[in-house]
Amino acid sequence: MALIITDECINCDVCEPECPNSAISQGEEIYEINSSLCTECVGHFNEPQCIEVCPVDCIINNPNMIESKDQLQAKYQALINKK
């Protein structure tokens, strides 16, 4: 699953630099996660780093973007191959 940031986000700026895929960026009101770039840190870390550092626990699984670990790994490989 890709992750999403809920409207509880306080724009603290700690999640964006932690994302190894540059999937997090500042939106109009709160930070947003690009689901095509989010691999939940598969390929990089054991746990999503944005969730680890978020002080208000506003980053959750996106119910509209259900992906298995294998699919996330394939997305990671595709992103690496583009670089």
C-alpha atoms as a PDB file:
ATOM      1  CA  MET A   1       0.000   0.000   0.000  1.00  0.00           C
ATOM      2  CA  ALA A   2       1.140   3.481  -0.618  1.00  0.00           C
ATOM      3  CA  LEU A   3       0.821   5.791   2.337  1.00  0.00           C
ATOM      4  CA  ILE A   4      -1.190   8.986   2.724  1.00  0.00           C
ATOM      5  CA  ILE A   5      -0.887  11.946   5.040  1.00  0.00           C
ATOM      6  CA  THR A   6      -4.101  12.910   6.802  1.00  0.00           C
ATOM      7  CA  ASP A   7      -5.275  16.419   7.546  1.00  0.00           C
ATOM      8  CA  GLU A   8      -3.898  16.094  11.078  1.00  0.00           C
ATOM      9  CA  CYS A   9      -0.523  17.003   9.516  1.00  0.00           C
ATOM     10  CA  ILE A  10       1.083  19.975  11.287  1.00  0.00           C
ATOM     11  CA  ASN A  11       3.597  20.724   8.501  1.00  0.00           C
ATOM     12  CA  CYS A  12       6.531  20.043  10.805  1.00  0.00           C
ATOM     13  CA  ASP A  13       8.805  19.235   7.822  1.00  0.00           C
ATOM     14  CA  VAL A  14      10.337  16.068   9.295  1.00  0.00           C
ATOM     15  CA  CYS A  15       8.874  13.483   6.903  1.00  0.00           C
ATOM     16  CA  GLU A  16       9.950  14.937   3.547  1.00  0.00           C
ATOM     17  CA  PRO A  17      13.728  14.537   3.960  1.00  0.00           C
ATOM     18  CA  GLU A  18      13.309  10.999   5.346  1.00  0.00           C
ATOM     19  CA  CYS A  19      11.684   9.618   2.171  1.00  0.00           C
ATOM     20  CA  PRO A  20      14.279   7.710   0.126  1.00  0.00           C
ATOM     21  CA  ASN A  21      12.097   7.903  -3.003  1.00  0.00           C
ATOM     22  CA  SER A  22      11.290  11.644  -2.798  1.00  0.00           C
ATOM     23  CA  ALA A  23       7.604  10.717  -2.695  1.00  0.00           C
ATOM     24  CA  ILE A  24       6.708  13.368  -0.100  1.00  0.00           C
ATOM     25  CA  SER A  25       6.264  17.014  -1.017  1.00  0.00           C
ATOM     26  CA  GLN A  26       4.518  20.087   0.311  1.00  0.00           C
ATOM     27  CA  GLY A  27       0.960  20.330  -0.971  1.00  0.00           C
ATOM     28  CA  GLU A  28      -1.311  23.358  -0.873  1.00  0.00           C
ATOM     29  CA  GLU A  29      -2.146  22.896   2.805  1.00  0.00           C
ATOM     30  CA  ILE A  30      -0.282  19.825   4.094  1.00  0.00           C
ATOM     31  CA  TYR A  31       2.410  17.450   2.940  1.00  0.00           C
ATOM     32  CA  GLU A  32       1.355  14.886   0.334  1.00  0.00           C
ATOM     33  CA  ILE A  33       2.666  11.497  -0.756  1.00  0.00           C
ATOM     34  CA  ASN A  34       2.930  10.614  -4.450  1.00  0.00           C
ATOM     35  CA  SER A  35       1.562   7.056  -4.538  1.00  0.00           C
ATOM     36  CA  SER A  36       3.483   6.221  -7.702  1.00  0.00           C
ATOM     37  CA  LEU A  37       6.754   6.849  -5.845  1.00  0.00           C
ATOM     38  CA  CYS A  38       5.855   5.479  -2.405  1.00  0.00           C
ATOM     39  CA  THR A  39       7.168   1.979  -1.714  1.00  0.00           C
ATOM     40  CA  GLU A  40       6.661   2.203   2.071  1.00  0.00           C
ATOM     41  CA  CYS A  41      10.471   2.183   2.143  1.00  0.00           C
ATOM     42  CA  VAL A  42      10.601  -1.370   0.756  1.00  0.00           C
ATOM     43  CA  GLY A  43      14.062  -1.766  -0.719  1.00  0.00           C
ATOM     44  CA  HIS A  44      15.509   0.798   1.659  1.00  0.00           C
ATOM     45  CA  PHE A  45      14.333   0.170   5.234  1.00  0.00           C
ATOM     46  CA  ASN A  46      12.273  -2.335   7.226  1.00  0.00           C
ATOM     47  CA  GLU A  47       9.722   0.295   8.247  1.00  0.00           C
ATOM     48  CA  PRO A  48       8.412   3.430   6.518  1.00  0.00           C
ATOM     49  CA  GLN A  49      10.676   6.191   7.722  1.00  0.00           C
ATOM     50  CA  CYS A  50       8.036   8.906   7.478  1.00  0.00           C
ATOM     51  CA  ILE A  51       5.854   7.024   9.954  1.00  0.00           C
ATOM     52  CA  GLU A  52       8.831   6.557  12.268  1.00  0.00           C
ATOM     53  CA  VAL A  53       9.519  10.305  12.497  1.00  0.00           C
ATOM     54  CA  CYS A  54       5.979  11.738  12.378  1.00  0.00           C
ATOM     55  CA  PRO A  55       5.223  13.377  15.735  1.00  0.00           C
ATOM     56  CA  VAL A  56       1.431  13.344  15.262  1.00  0.00           C
ATOM     57  CA  ASP A  57       0.921   9.908  13.655  1.00  0.00           C
ATOM     58  CA  CYS A  58      -0.869  11.343  10.630  1.00  0.00           C
ATOM     59  CA  ILE A  59       0.629   8.969   8.042  1.00  0.00           C
ATOM     60  CA  ILE A  60      -1.502   5.923   7.328  1.00  0.00           C
ATOM     61  CA  ASN A  61      -2.013   3.218   4.701  1.00  0.00           C
ATOM     62  CA  ASN A  62      -3.935   4.451   1.694  1.00  0.00           C
ATOM     63  CA  PRO A  63      -7.066   2.274   1.448  1.00  0.00           C
ATOM     64  CA  ASN A  64      -7.329   3.126  -2.269  1.00  0.00           C
ATOM     65  CA  MET A  65      -3.820   1.874  -3.031  1.00  0.00           C
ATOM     66  CA  ILE A  66      -3.565  -1.705  -1.777  1.00  0.00           C
ATOM     67  CA  GLU A  67      -0.196  -3.239  -2.705  1.00  0.00           C
ATOM     68  CA  SER A  68       1.568  -6.375  -1.504  1.00  0.00           C
ATOM     69  CA  LYS A  69       5.207  -6.436  -0.414  1.00  0.00           C
ATOM     70  CA  ASP A  70       6.014  -8.058  -3.787  1.00  0.00           C
ATOM     71  CA  GLN A  71       4.288  -5.222  -5.639  1.00  0.00           C
ATOM     72  CA  LEU A  72       6.105  -2.649  -3.534  1.00  0.00           C
ATOM     73  CA  GLN A  73       9.409  -4.408  -4.263  1.00  0.00           C
ATOM     74  CA  ALA A  74       8.621  -4.361  -7.996  1.00  0.00           C
ATOM     75  CA  LYS A  75       7.815  -0.630  -7.785  1.00  0.00           C
ATOM     76  CA  TYR A  76      11.114  -0.065  -5.963  1.00  0.00           C
ATOM     77  CA  GLN A  77      12.992  -1.977  -8.716  1.00  0.00           C
ATOM     78  CA  ALA A  78      11.260   0.066 -11.421  1.00  0.00           C
ATOM     79  CA  LEU A  79      12.216   3.311  -9.661  1.00  0.00           C
ATOM     80  CA  ILE A  80      15.828   2.178  -9.304  1.00  0.00           C
ATOM     81  CA  ASN A  81      15.963   1.169 -12.974  1.00  0.00           C
ATOM     82  CA  LYS A  82      14.788   4.662 -14.008  1.00  0.00           C
ATOM     83  CA  LYS A  83      17.753   6.299 -12.252  1.00  0.00           C
END
